[in-house]
Amino acid sequence: MFDLSSLRLGDAYRSWRKLWANPDDTAAVFEIIGALDAGCGESSFARFRKSEHGPRILSEKRDLLATLQDRDALMAMPEGSLGRTYAEFTAREAISADGLVEASEQGRIEREGLDEDRRRYFDRLRDCHDLQHVVTGWGRDLRGEGALLSFGTAQSWHHGVAFIVAMAYLDGDGEERRVIREAWQRGRKAQWLDAADWEALLPRPLDEVRAELGVEPPPAYEPLWSQAATEAAPERSAA
């Protein structure tokens, strides 16, 4: 059950203003998620614990972050595999799995009082974000991020993520709104990516992974980069 009385609307609004001013402020995204959780995380964890792979992932005490930090092992996987494609993606984007850890800490995501299983699950959600970029085919540009959040909201409701998606939709142009709508539809058709056995999928061909997870082929869309991202990589052009 959702506890709507625990929604911190003022905090969410202040964090949204920060995100509006700087669309690359990932910490503000985590702040909004924390402010508008109201039991969504607990509901998601309960679902994960009953999923096909969830109990084994928890019992084996998996650490997805450690797996994704081993870039050499990922690059040694077959060409075209999920793991190698992920490693190439993070190298091309000059990011790492540690970046999301830092952003979540800056975003004051509460971990106090969580038992080991819940902590492991919520860390796993954070750590698989860029894997989901690779599997779905959306980039890290503003439209790609909005699409991935829309895809995820269609699979597992969260007030905070839904709020970000709604604001992006209302403020977006026709292309962004199209991408968000199509992302929602793709999310409804696919398996729940948050419960995927990522460790087992990493060595497998990306096309096979998409087929097994029910993820439709990557969509065509026009990336939209923030001004800061464009300045950092001049080859990108803001639409």
C-alpha atoms as a PDB file:
ATOM      1  CA  MET A   1       0.000   0.000   0.000  1.00  0.00           C
ATOM      2  CA  PHE A   2       1.157   3.523  -0.762  1.00  0.00           C
ATOM      3  CA  ASP A   3       1.392   5.950   2.160  1.00  0.00           C
ATOM      4  CA  LEU A   4       0.525   9.221   0.446  1.00  0.00           C
ATOM      5  CA  SER A   5       0.818  11.096   3.746  1.00  0.00           C
ATOM      6  CA  SER A   6       4.588  10.571   3.581  1.00  0.00           C
ATOM      7  CA  LEU A   7       4.968  12.401   0.257  1.00  0.00           C
ATOM      8  CA  ARG A   8       7.362  15.341   0.656  1.00  0.00           C
ATOM      9  CA  LEU A   9       5.893  17.551  -2.014  1.00  0.00           C
ATOM     10  CA  GLY A  10       7.859  20.652  -1.076  1.00  0.00           C
ATOM     11  CA  ASP A  11      11.158  18.800  -1.266  1.00  0.00           C
ATOM     12  CA  ALA A  12      10.134  17.291  -4.609  1.00  0.00           C
ATOM     13  CA  TYR A  13       9.259  20.704  -6.018  1.00  0.00           C
ATOM     14  CA  ARG A  14      12.566  22.231  -4.883  1.00  0.00           C
ATOM     15  CA  SER A  15      14.473  19.339  -6.431  1.00  0.00           C
ATOM     16  CA  TRP A  16      12.491  19.709  -9.646  1.00  0.00           C
ATOM     17  CA  ARG A  17      13.522  23.373  -9.812  1.00  0.00           C
ATOM     18  CA  LYS A  18      17.148  22.228  -9.539  1.00  0.00           C
ATOM     19  CA  LEU A  19      16.622  19.675 -12.281  1.00  0.00           C
ATOM     20  CA  TRP A  20      14.899  22.265 -14.462  1.00  0.00           C
ATOM     21  CA  ALA A  21      17.890  24.571 -14.083  1.00  0.00           C
ATOM     22  CA  ASN A  22      20.360  21.765 -14.764  1.00  0.00           C
ATOM     23  CA  PRO A  23      18.940  18.754 -16.643  1.00  0.00           C
ATOM     24  CA  ASP A  24      22.195  16.845 -16.020  1.00  0.00           C
ATOM     25  CA  ASP A  25      21.779  17.009 -12.222  1.00  0.00           C
ATOM     26  CA  THR A  26      21.310  13.284 -11.553  1.00  0.00           C
ATOM     27  CA  ALA A  27      21.393  13.879  -7.804  1.00  0.00           C
ATOM     28  CA  ALA A  28      18.189  15.943  -8.131  1.00  0.00           C
ATOM     29  CA  VAL A  29      16.517  12.951  -9.804  1.00  0.00           C
ATOM     30  CA  PHE A  30      17.357  10.802  -6.786  1.00  0.00           C
ATOM     31  CA  GLU A  31      16.076  13.552  -4.481  1.00  0.00           C
ATOM     32  CA  ILE A  32      12.706  13.551  -6.239  1.00  0.00           C
ATOM     33  CA  ILE A  33      12.519   9.755  -6.111  1.00  0.00           C
ATOM     34  CA  GLY A  34      13.211   9.815  -2.372  1.00  0.00           C
ATOM     35  CA  ALA A  35      10.742  12.611  -1.669  1.00  0.00           C
ATOM     36  CA  LEU A  36       7.901  10.909  -3.542  1.00  0.00           C
ATOM     37  CA  ASP A  37       8.519   7.276  -2.663  1.00  0.00           C
ATOM     38  CA  ALA A  38       5.568   6.812  -0.247  1.00  0.00           C
ATOM     39  CA  GLY A  39       5.924   3.026  -0.222  1.00  0.00           C
ATOM     40  CA  CYS A  40       6.603   2.542  -3.930  1.00  0.00           C
ATOM     41  CA  GLY A  41      10.035   1.099  -3.233  1.00  0.00           C
ATOM     42  CA  GLU A  42       8.686  -1.377  -0.710  1.00  0.00           C
ATOM     43  CA  SER A  43       5.991  -2.500  -3.138  1.00  0.00           C
ATOM     44  CA  SER A  44       8.622  -3.007  -5.836  1.00  0.00           C
ATOM     45  CA  PHE A  45      10.827  -5.000  -3.458  1.00  0.00           C
ATOM     46  CA  ALA A  46       7.943  -7.294  -2.520  1.00  0.00           C
ATOM     47  CA  ARG A  47       7.339  -7.959  -6.198  1.00  0.00           C
ATOM     48  CA  PHE A  48      11.033  -8.635  -6.795  1.00  0.00           C
ATOM     49  CA  ARG A  49      11.164 -11.122  -3.928  1.00  0.00           C
ATOM     50  CA  LYS A  50       8.417 -13.140  -5.645  1.00  0.00           C
ATOM     51  CA  SER A  51       9.903 -12.885  -9.149  1.00  0.00           C
ATOM     52  CA  GLU A  52      11.606 -15.718 -11.029  1.00  0.00           C
ATOM     53  CA  HIS A  53      15.174 -14.630 -10.308  1.00  0.00           C
ATOM     54  CA  GLY A  54      14.738 -12.397  -7.258  1.00  0.00           C
ATOM     55  CA  PRO A  55      15.021 -15.019  -4.487  1.00  0.00           C
ATOM     56  CA  ARG A  56      18.213 -16.487  -5.956  1.00  0.00           C
ATOM     57  CA  ILE A  57      19.790 -13.068  -6.514  1.00  0.00           C
ATOM     58  CA  LEU A  58      19.152 -12.210  -2.867  1.00  0.00           C
ATOM     59  CA  SER A  59      20.235 -15.556  -1.460  1.00  0.00           C
ATOM     60  CA  GLU A  60      23.478 -15.477  -3.473  1.00  0.00           C
ATOM     61  CA  LYS A  61      24.130 -11.957  -2.191  1.00  0.00           C
ATOM     62  CA  ARG A  62      24.852 -10.693  -5.700  1.00  0.00           C
ATOM     63  CA  ASP A  63      26.779  -7.443  -6.084  1.00  0.00           C
ATOM     64  CA  LEU A  64      25.984  -6.120  -9.553  1.00  0.00           C
ATOM     65  CA  LEU A  65      28.102  -3.027  -8.973  1.00  0.00           C
ATOM     66  CA  ALA A  66      31.260  -5.097  -8.539  1.00  0.00           C
ATOM     67  CA  THR A  67      30.480  -6.984 -11.744  1.00  0.00           C
ATOM     68  CA  LEU A  68      30.007  -3.787 -13.727  1.00  0.00           C
ATOM     69  CA  GLN A  69      33.166  -2.234 -12.296  1.00  0.00           C
ATOM     70  CA  ASP A  70      35.294  -5.010 -13.824  1.00  0.00           C
ATOM     71  CA  ARG A  71      35.703  -3.382 -17.224  1.00  0.00           C
ATOM     72  CA  ASP A  72      38.426  -5.821 -18.307  1.00  0.00           C
ATOM     73  CA  ALA A  73      36.135  -8.812 -17.744  1.00  0.00           C
ATOM     74  CA  LEU A  74      33.312  -7.114 -19.626  1.00  0.00           C
ATOM     75  CA  MET A  75      35.554  -6.234 -22.571  1.00  0.00           C
ATOM     76  CA  ALA A  76      36.736  -9.851 -22.689  1.00  0.00           C
ATOM     77  CA  MET A  77      33.177 -11.008 -23.384  1.00  0.00           C
ATOM     78  CA  PRO A  78      32.200 -11.834 -26.995  1.00  0.00           C
ATOM     79  CA  GLU A  79      31.755  -8.985 -29.431  1.00  0.00           C
ATOM     80  CA  GLY A  80      28.101  -8.016 -29.579  1.00  0.00           C
ATOM     81  CA  SER A  81      27.358  -9.375 -26.113  1.00  0.00           C
ATOM     82  CA  LEU A  82      25.449  -7.294 -23.593  1.00  0.00           C
ATOM     83  CA  GLY A  83      28.462  -7.064 -21.299  1.00  0.00           C
ATOM     84  CA  ARG A  84      30.898  -5.905 -23.950  1.00  0.00           C
ATOM     85  CA  THR A  85      28.366  -3.508 -25.471  1.00  0.00           C
ATOM     86  CA  TYR A  86      27.794  -2.041 -22.012  1.00  0.00           C
ATOM     87  CA  ALA A  87      31.539  -1.608 -21.478  1.00  0.00           C
ATOM     88  CA  GLU A  88      31.863   0.106 -24.864  1.00  0.00           C
ATOM     89  CA  PHE A  89      28.852   2.305 -24.073  1.00  0.00           C
ATOM     90  CA  THR A  90      30.271   3.488 -20.748  1.00  0.00           C
ATOM     91  CA  ALA A  91      33.701   4.103 -22.304  1.00  0.00           C
ATOM     92  CA  ARG A  92      32.164   6.111 -25.153  1.00  0.00           C
ATOM     93  CA  GLU A  93      30.072   8.152 -22.730  1.00  0.00           C
ATOM     94  CA  ALA A  94      32.970   8.550 -20.264  1.00  0.00           C
ATOM     95  CA  ILE A  95      30.871   7.219 -17.380  1.00  0.00           C
ATOM     96  CA  SER A  96      31.104   4.371 -14.909  1.00  0.00           C
ATOM     97  CA  ALA A  97      28.806   2.491 -12.551  1.00  0.00           C
ATOM     98  CA  ASP A  98      30.363   4.470  -9.698  1.00  0.00           C
ATOM     99  CA  GLY A  99      28.829   7.681 -11.032  1.00  0.00           C
ATOM    100  CA  LEU A 100      25.312   6.573 -10.141  1.00  0.00           C
ATOM    101  CA  VAL A 101      26.490   5.584  -6.659  1.00  0.00           C
ATOM    102  CA  GLU A 102      27.874   9.083  -6.127  1.00  0.00           C
ATOM    103  CA  ALA A 103      24.701  10.717  -7.487  1.00  0.00           C
ATOM    104  CA  SER A 104      22.473   8.631  -5.209  1.00  0.00           C
ATOM    105  CA  GLU A 105      24.569   9.618  -2.198  1.00  0.00           C
ATOM    106  CA  GLN A 106      24.383  13.278  -3.184  1.00  0.00           C
ATOM    107  CA  GLY A 107      20.645  12.846  -3.678  1.00  0.00           C
ATOM    108  CA  ARG A 108      20.298  11.723  -0.060  1.00  0.00           C
ATOM    109  CA  ILE A 109      18.622   8.431  -0.866  1.00  0.00           C
ATOM    110  CA  GLU A 110      17.802   6.967   2.528  1.00  0.00           C
ATOM    111  CA  ARG A 111      19.410   3.607   3.321  1.00  0.00           C
ATOM    112  CA  GLU A 112      19.239   3.778   7.113  1.00  0.00           C
ATOM    113  CA  GLY A 113      17.195   1.016   8.703  1.00  0.00           C
ATOM    114  CA  LEU A 114      17.057  -1.153   5.583  1.00  0.00           C
ATOM    115  CA  ASP A 115      17.829  -4.829   5.978  1.00  0.00           C
ATOM    116  CA  GLU A 116      20.458  -6.481   3.790  1.00  0.00           C
ATOM    117  CA  ASP A 117      18.024  -7.787   1.169  1.00  0.00           C
ATOM    118  CA  ARG A 118      16.330  -4.436   0.659  1.00  0.00           C
ATOM    119  CA  ARG A 119      19.621  -2.594   0.502  1.00  0.00           C
ATOM    120  CA  ARG A 120      20.874  -5.091  -2.082  1.00  0.00           C
ATOM    121  CA  TYR A 121      17.728  -4.732  -4.182  1.00  0.00           C
ATOM    122  CA  PHE A 122      17.696  -0.930  -4.212  1.00  0.00           C
ATOM    123  CA  ASP A 123      21.402  -0.804  -5.009  1.00  0.00           C
ATOM    124  CA  ARG A 124      20.748  -3.199  -7.868  1.00  0.00           C
ATOM    125  CA  LEU A 125      18.043  -0.917  -9.281  1.00  0.00           C
ATOM    126  CA  ARG A 126      20.524   1.940  -9.285  1.00  0.00           C
ATOM    127  CA  ASP A 127      23.338  -0.097 -10.801  1.00  0.00           C
ATOM    128  CA  CYS A 128      21.354  -1.614 -13.685  1.00  0.00           C
ATOM    129  CA  HIS A 129      20.229   1.758 -15.061  1.00  0.00           C
ATOM    130  CA  ASP A 130      22.849   1.982 -17.796  1.00  0.00           C
ATOM    131  CA  LEU A 131      22.382  -1.690 -18.667  1.00  0.00           C
ATOM    132  CA  GLN A 132      18.789  -0.777 -19.388  1.00  0.00           C
ATOM    133  CA  HIS A 133      19.968   2.043 -21.641  1.00  0.00           C
ATOM    134  CA  VAL A 134      21.909  -0.519 -23.670  1.00  0.00           C
ATOM    135  CA  VAL A 135      19.090  -3.063 -23.836  1.00  0.00           C
ATOM    136  CA  THR A 136      16.365  -0.565 -24.753  1.00  0.00           C
ATOM    137  CA  GLY A 137      18.553   1.393 -27.169  1.00  0.00           C
ATOM    138  CA  TRP A 138      17.870   4.850 -25.748  1.00  0.00           C
ATOM    139  CA  GLY A 139      20.879   7.066 -25.205  1.00  0.00           C
ATOM    140  CA  ARG A 140      21.823   9.253 -22.263  1.00  0.00           C
ATOM    141  CA  ASP A 141      20.531  12.413 -23.911  1.00  0.00           C
ATOM    142  CA  LEU A 142      17.531  14.191 -22.411  1.00  0.00           C
ATOM    143  CA  ARG A 143      14.967  12.442 -24.614  1.00  0.00           C
ATOM    144  CA  GLY A 144      16.635   9.090 -24.076  1.00  0.00           C
ATOM    145  CA  GLU A 145      16.586   9.494 -20.308  1.00  0.00           C
ATOM    146  CA  GLY A 146      12.943  10.554 -20.357  1.00  0.00           C
ATOM    147  CA  ALA A 147      12.078   7.565 -22.515  1.00  0.00           C
ATOM    148  CA  LEU A 148      13.829   5.108 -20.207  1.00  0.00           C
ATOM    149  CA  LEU A 149      12.038   6.565 -17.177  1.00  0.00           C
ATOM    150  CA  SER A 150       8.723   6.276 -19.023  1.00  0.00           C
ATOM    151  CA  PHE A 151       9.530   2.660 -19.952  1.00  0.00           C
ATOM    152  CA  GLY A 152      10.309   1.876 -16.315  1.00  0.00           C
ATOM    153  CA  THR A 153       7.195   3.603 -14.986  1.00  0.00           C
ATOM    154  CA  ALA A 154       5.048   1.475 -17.293  1.00  0.00           C
ATOM    155  CA  GLN A 155       6.636  -1.612 -15.732  1.00  0.00           C
ATOM    156  CA  SER A 156       6.747  -0.610 -12.073  1.00  0.00           C
ATOM    157  CA  TRP A 157       4.960   2.467 -10.760  1.00  0.00           C
ATOM    158  CA  HIS A 158       6.852   5.043  -8.726  1.00  0.00           C
ATOM    159  CA  HIS A 159       5.335   8.429  -7.881  1.00  0.00           C
ATOM    160  CA  GLY A 160       8.694  10.226  -8.175  1.00  0.00           C
ATOM    161  CA  VAL A 161       9.691   8.763 -11.516  1.00  0.00           C
ATOM    162  CA  ALA A 162       6.187   9.286 -12.876  1.00  0.00           C
ATOM    163  CA  PHE A 163       6.352  12.933 -11.766  1.00  0.00           C
ATOM    164  CA  ILE A 164       9.613  13.471 -13.691  1.00  0.00           C
ATOM    165  CA  VAL A 165       8.158  11.794 -16.781  1.00  0.00           C
ATOM    166  CA  ALA A 166       4.968  13.863 -16.579  1.00  0.00           C
ATOM    167  CA  MET A 167       6.889  17.122 -16.281  1.00  0.00           C
ATOM    168  CA  ALA A 168       9.151  16.155 -19.181  1.00  0.00           C
ATOM    169  CA  TYR A 169       6.071  15.343 -21.269  1.00  0.00           C
ATOM    170  CA  LEU A 170       4.299  18.602 -20.440  1.00  0.00           C
ATOM    171  CA  ASP A 171       7.404  20.678 -21.155  1.00  0.00           C
ATOM    172  CA  GLY A 172       8.513  18.649 -24.178  1.00  0.00           C
ATOM    173  CA  ASP A 173       8.060  19.271 -27.857  1.00  0.00           C
ATOM    174  CA  GLY A 174       6.251  16.939 -30.232  1.00  0.00           C
ATOM    175  CA  GLU A 175       9.262  14.654 -30.658  1.00  0.00           C
ATOM    176  CA  GLU A 176       9.800  14.267 -26.931  1.00  0.00           C
ATOM    177  CA  ARG A 177       6.137  13.526 -26.307  1.00  0.00           C
ATOM    178  CA  ARG A 178       6.153  10.912 -29.062  1.00  0.00           C
ATOM    179  CA  VAL A 179       9.233   9.244 -27.597  1.00  0.00           C
ATOM    180  CA  ILE A 180       7.717   9.178 -24.104  1.00  0.00           C
ATOM    181  CA  ARG A 181       4.435   7.677 -25.351  1.00  0.00           C
ATOM    182  CA  GLU A 182       6.193   5.002 -27.384  1.00  0.00           C
ATOM    183  CA  ALA A 183       8.487   4.219 -24.455  1.00  0.00           C
ATOM    184  CA  TRP A 184       5.481   3.605 -22.228  1.00  0.00           C
ATOM    185  CA  GLN A 185       4.040   1.200 -24.782  1.00  0.00           C
ATOM    186  CA  ARG A 186       7.369  -0.654 -25.111  1.00  0.00           C
ATOM    187  CA  GLY A 187       7.599  -0.938 -21.341  1.00  0.00           C
ATOM    188  CA  ARG A 188       4.150  -2.484 -21.090  1.00  0.00           C
ATOM    189  CA  LYS A 189       5.096  -5.197 -23.598  1.00  0.00           C
ATOM    190  CA  ALA A 190       8.484  -6.136 -22.140  1.00  0.00           C
ATOM    191  CA  GLN A 191       9.405  -8.246 -19.163  1.00  0.00           C
ATOM    192  CA  TRP A 192      10.163  -6.388 -15.942  1.00  0.00           C
ATOM    193  CA  LEU A 193      13.776  -5.345 -16.466  1.00  0.00           C
ATOM    194  CA  ASP A 194      14.344  -4.541 -12.782  1.00  0.00           C
ATOM    195  CA  ALA A 195      14.047  -8.259 -12.027  1.00  0.00           C
ATOM    196  CA  ALA A 196      16.310  -9.490 -14.836  1.00  0.00           C
ATOM    197  CA  ASP A 197      19.188 -11.853 -14.109  1.00  0.00           C
ATOM    198  CA  TRP A 198      21.754  -9.400 -15.440  1.00  0.00           C
ATOM    199  CA  GLU A 199      24.788 -11.465 -14.459  1.00  0.00           C
ATOM    200  CA  ALA A 200      23.578 -14.377 -16.583  1.00  0.00           C
ATOM    201  CA  LEU A 201      22.656 -12.094 -19.477  1.00  0.00           C
ATOM    202  CA  LEU A 202      25.938 -10.183 -19.731  1.00  0.00           C
ATOM    203  CA  PRO A 203      27.861 -12.772 -21.827  1.00  0.00           C
ATOM    204  CA  ARG A 204      24.975 -13.360 -24.222  1.00  0.00           C
ATOM    205  CA  PRO A 205      24.389 -11.638 -27.593  1.00  0.00           C
ATOM    206  CA  LEU A 206      22.498  -8.392 -27.136  1.00  0.00           C
ATOM    207  CA  ASP A 207      19.889  -9.374 -29.728  1.00  0.00           C
ATOM    208  CA  GLU A 208      19.164 -12.578 -27.797  1.00  0.00           C
ATOM    209  CA  VAL A 209      18.867 -10.642 -24.552  1.00  0.00           C
ATOM    210  CA  ARG A 210      16.351  -8.265 -26.087  1.00  0.00           C
ATOM    211  CA  ALA A 211      14.321 -11.151 -27.483  1.00  0.00           C
ATOM    212  CA  GLU A 212      14.290 -13.001 -24.160  1.00  0.00           C
ATOM    213  CA  LEU A 213      13.229  -9.891 -22.256  1.00  0.00           C
ATOM    214  CA  GLY A 214      10.572  -8.989 -24.805  1.00  0.00           C
ATOM    215  CA  VAL A 215      12.213  -5.656 -25.615  1.00  0.00           C
ATOM    216  CA  GLU A 216      11.305  -4.457 -29.087  1.00  0.00           C
ATOM    217  CA  PRO A 217      14.097  -3.317 -31.462  1.00  0.00           C
ATOM    218  CA  PRO A 218      15.667   0.057 -30.595  1.00  0.00           C
ATOM    219  CA  PRO A 219      13.483   2.949 -31.783  1.00  0.00           C
ATOM    220  CA  ALA A 220      14.592   5.744 -34.053  1.00  0.00           C
ATOM    221  CA  TYR A 221      14.526   9.169 -32.413  1.00  0.00           C
ATOM    222  CA  GLU A 222      16.376  12.477 -32.520  1.00  0.00           C
ATOM    223  CA  PRO A 223      18.660  12.836 -29.464  1.00  0.00           C
ATOM    224  CA  LEU A 224      18.453  16.082 -27.514  1.00  0.00           C
ATOM    225  CA  TRP A 225      21.519  17.030 -25.484  1.00  0.00           C
ATOM    226  CA  SER A 226      21.720  19.668 -22.795  1.00  0.00           C
ATOM    227  CA  GLN A 227      23.925  22.682 -23.444  1.00  0.00           C
ATOM    228  CA  ALA A 228      26.517  21.412 -20.946  1.00  0.00           C
ATOM    229  CA  ALA A 229      26.666  17.987 -22.588  1.00  0.00           C
ATOM    230  CA  THR A 230      27.035  19.581 -26.018  1.00  0.00           C
ATOM    231  CA  GLU A 231      29.865  21.823 -24.814  1.00  0.00           C
ATOM    232  CA  ALA A 232      31.621  18.826 -23.250  1.00  0.00           C
ATOM    233  CA  ALA A 233      31.372  16.899 -26.527  1.00  0.00           C
ATOM    234  CA  PRO A 234      31.140  19.343 -29.463  1.00  0.00           C
ATOM    235  CA  GLU A 235      30.332  16.522 -31.890  1.00  0.00           C
ATOM    236  CA  ARG A 236      26.925  16.386 -30.267  1.00  0.00           C
ATOM    237  CA  SER A 237      24.472  18.929 -31.564  1.00  0.00           C
ATOM    238  CA  ALA A 238      21.501  20.006 -29.475  1.00  0.00           C
ATOM    239  CA  ALA A 239      18.278  19.639 -31.428  1.00  0.00           C
END
